[in-house]
Amino acid sequence: MEVEAEEPAAESANAQFRSAIWPLYEAAVTAKQWQGGFVPPAEDSMTLVDYGQIKVTDGQQGSRSNSTKLYTIPGAPCRAAANGTVVFAGDLALTGNTVVIDHGCGLRSYLYGLQEISVSKGQTVEKGQAVGVLGEELTMDFKLGSRSVNPRLLFQTSGGLFWKEN
């Protein structure tokens, strides 16, 4: 996918993101909260950048995308993909209005670029519950610990993510 070169983010924006979001990658694993399949955060959307897609800027191959960027309907609800607990809800200079939901077993969903946030840190949410309002674009990233996973796989089956308890 050919993309235009972006202005690099201000170091202060990167530092704010690192201090707010990076600790979540290493946060303690909590009990499993989801049941069954996951739902996409945006009910109606079009994919702009897909997970795993290679970015090409000015003819130069760049990195693979570890998130999915969607073109969404402004004003529509942004939904929790599965049951979980909100571990971050706030505005970051780098990603805009951001919500992070811990679904348990180290799986967290990161939702960036919301027009509005309607949940707060510590709040329990249910699958499909509105956590905010969509703007024109939504970037979603699902991680197991610090490793990104393809969200399409979570949405494809009614069984969702299978987890074997020890």
Protein backbone atom coordinates (compact mmCIF):
# COMPACT_ATOMS: atom_id res chain seq x y z
CA MET A 1 0.00 0.00 0.00
CA GLU A 2 1.48 3.36 -1.06
CA VAL A 3 1.16 6.05 1.61
CA GLU A 4 2.32 9.64 1.81
CA ALA A 5 5.13 10.48 4.17
CA GLU A 6 3.81 11.68 7.51
CA GLU A 7 5.30 14.38 9.64
CA PRO A 8 7.09 12.74 12.55
CA ALA A 9 5.23 13.14 15.83
CA ALA A 10 6.60 15.54 18.40
CA GLU A 11 8.88 13.87 20.94
CA SER A 12 6.55 15.06 23.71
CA ALA A 13 3.63 13.18 22.06
CA ASN A 14 5.73 10.03 21.77
CA ALA A 15 6.87 10.34 25.39
CA GLN A 16 3.28 10.81 26.59
CA PHE A 17 2.20 7.69 24.65
CA ARG A 18 5.12 5.65 25.99
CA SER A 19 4.36 6.57 29.60
CA ALA A 20 0.58 5.97 29.28
CA ILE A 21 0.37 2.92 26.99
CA TRP A 22 3.64 0.98 27.06
CA PRO A 23 3.25 -0.10 30.72
CA LEU A 24 0.01 -1.86 29.69
CA TYR A 25 2.03 -4.18 27.43
CA GLU A 26 3.72 -5.62 30.53
CA ALA A 27 0.77 -5.36 32.94
CA ALA A 28 -0.11 -8.40 35.03
CA VAL A 29 -2.35 -10.94 33.35
CA THR A 30 -5.92 -10.87 34.68
CA ALA A 31 -8.67 -13.50 34.65
CA LYS A 32 -10.44 -14.24 31.35
CA GLN A 33 -13.48 -11.98 30.91
CA TRP A 34 -14.62 -12.62 27.32
CA GLN A 35 -17.07 -15.31 26.25
CA GLY A 36 -17.65 -16.50 22.70
CA GLY A 37 -16.82 -14.42 19.65
CA PHE A 38 -15.65 -10.85 19.48
CA VAL A 39 -17.46 -8.03 17.64
CA PRO A 40 -15.73 -5.37 15.53
CA PRO A 41 -15.59 -2.01 17.37
CA ALA A 42 -17.16 -0.26 14.35
CA GLU A 43 -20.37 -1.84 13.07
CA ASP A 44 -19.98 -0.26 9.61
CA SER A 45 -16.51 0.49 8.29
CA MET A 46 -14.11 0.22 5.37
CA THR A 47 -10.51 -0.88 5.85
CA LEU A 48 -7.91 1.78 5.05
CA VAL A 49 -4.83 -0.06 6.34
CA ASP A 50 -5.12 -3.73 7.21
CA TYR A 51 -3.18 -5.64 9.84
CA GLY A 52 0.05 -6.98 8.34
CA GLN A 53 -0.06 -4.71 5.31
CA ILE A 54 3.35 -3.38 4.24
CA LYS A 55 3.58 0.39 4.05
CA VAL A 56 5.39 1.91 1.06
CA THR A 57 6.41 5.56 1.30
CA ASP A 58 7.99 7.31 -1.69
CA GLY A 59 8.69 3.91 -3.26
CA GLN A 60 10.50 2.63 -0.15
CA GLN A 61 9.19 -0.46 1.59
CA GLY A 62 8.52 0.22 5.25
CA SER A 63 7.25 -1.75 8.17
CA ARG A 64 4.25 -4.05 8.42
CA SER A 65 1.22 -2.54 10.07
CA ASN A 66 0.55 -4.03 13.51
CA SER A 67 -2.87 -2.37 13.67
CA THR A 68 -5.92 -1.91 11.49
CA LYS A 69 -7.09 1.54 10.42
CA LEU A 70 -10.75 1.84 9.49
CA TYR A 71 -12.75 4.54 7.75
CA THR A 72 -15.84 4.84 9.96
CA ILE A 73 -19.12 6.73 10.18
CA PRO A 74 -18.62 9.79 12.40
CA GLY A 75 -21.05 9.84 15.32
CA ALA A 76 -21.64 6.06 15.31
CA PRO A 77 -20.85 4.18 18.53
CA CYS A 78 -17.47 2.54 19.07
CA ARG A 79 -18.13 -0.81 20.72
CA ALA A 80 -16.21 -3.00 23.13
CA ALA A 81 -15.09 -6.06 21.16
CA ALA A 82 -15.70 -8.32 24.17
CA ASN A 83 -16.29 -8.16 27.91
CA GLY A 84 -13.48 -6.50 29.82
CA THR A 85 -12.24 -3.76 32.09
CA VAL A 86 -11.18 -0.33 30.86
CA VAL A 87 -7.52 0.15 31.81
CA PHE A 88 -7.03 3.47 29.97
CA ALA A 89 -9.44 6.15 28.78
CA GLY A 90 -8.02 9.52 27.80
CA ASP A 91 -6.79 11.90 25.16
CA LEU A 92 -3.22 11.43 23.94
CA ALA A 93 -1.44 13.82 21.61
CA LEU A 94 -0.24 10.92 19.43
CA THR A 95 -3.46 8.88 19.15
CA GLY A 96 -6.28 11.23 20.16
CA ASN A 97 -9.10 9.93 22.33
CA THR A 98 -7.95 6.45 23.30
CA VAL A 99 -9.63 3.55 25.09
CA VAL A 100 -7.81 0.37 26.15
CA ILE A 101 -9.82 -2.62 27.37
CA ASP A 102 -8.29 -5.57 29.22
CA HIS A 103 -10.22 -8.70 28.21
CA GLY A 104 -8.15 -11.00 30.46
CA CYS A 105 -5.44 -13.61 29.80
CA GLY A 106 -3.13 -10.82 28.58
CA LEU A 107 -5.45 -9.79 25.69
CA ARG A 108 -6.17 -6.07 25.38
CA SER A 109 -7.88 -4.01 22.69
CA TYR A 110 -6.49 -0.55 21.90
CA LEU A 111 -8.90 1.87 20.22
CA TYR A 112 -7.38 5.11 18.89
CA GLY A 113 -8.88 8.24 17.35
CA LEU A 114 -12.33 8.33 18.95
CA GLN A 115 -14.40 11.49 18.62
CA GLU A 116 -15.59 11.08 22.24
CA ILE A 117 -15.00 8.68 25.14
CA SER A 118 -17.95 7.45 27.21
CA VAL A 119 -16.17 5.14 29.69
CA SER A 120 -13.61 5.64 32.43
CA LYS A 121 -10.65 3.71 33.79
CA GLY A 122 -11.72 0.83 36.02
CA GLN A 123 -15.16 0.50 34.42
CA THR A 124 -16.35 -2.98 33.41
CA VAL A 125 -17.79 -3.18 29.89
CA GLU A 126 -19.76 -5.84 28.05
CA LYS A 127 -19.32 -7.04 24.47
CA GLY A 128 -21.01 -4.56 22.12
CA GLN A 129 -21.32 -1.81 24.73
CA ALA A 130 -20.51 1.69 23.47
CA VAL A 131 -17.18 2.93 24.85
CA GLY A 132 -17.15 6.11 22.80
CA VAL A 133 -18.18 7.81 19.58
CA LEU A 134 -16.39 7.21 16.29
CA GLY A 135 -14.75 9.95 14.28
CA GLU A 136 -13.86 9.58 10.62
CA GLU A 137 -11.12 7.01 11.29
CA LEU A 138 -10.53 4.39 13.97
CA THR A 139 -7.26 2.60 14.55
CA MET A 140 -7.63 -0.67 16.44
CA ASP A 141 -4.86 -2.84 17.79
CA PHE A 142 -5.32 -6.10 19.65
CA LYS A 143 -2.38 -7.35 21.67
CA LEU A 144 -1.50 -10.41 23.69
CA GLY A 145 0.92 -8.78 26.10
CA SER A 146 3.13 -6.69 23.80
CA ARG A 147 2.49 -8.74 20.63
CA SER A 148 -0.10 -7.56 18.13
CA VAL A 149 -2.59 -10.11 16.81
CA ASN A 150 -4.75 -10.00 13.70
CA PRO A 151 -8.18 -8.77 14.87
CA ARG A 152 -9.96 -10.31 11.86
CA LEU A 153 -9.30 -13.75 13.34
CA LEU A 154 -11.14 -12.73 16.51
CA PHE A 155 -14.18 -11.59 14.52
CA GLN A 156 -14.39 -14.53 12.09
CA THR A 157 -15.90 -17.26 14.24
CA SER A 158 -18.68 -17.44 16.77
CA GLY A 159 -16.29 -19.19 19.15
CA GLY A 160 -13.91 -16.27 19.42
CA LEU A 161 -10.46 -16.73 20.86
CA PHE A 162 -9.98 -20.18 22.33
CA TRP A 163 -8.10 -20.30 25.59
CA LYS A 164 -7.03 -23.46 27.39
CA GLU A 165 -6.99 -23.07 31.14
CA ASN A 166 -4.11 -24.76 32.96
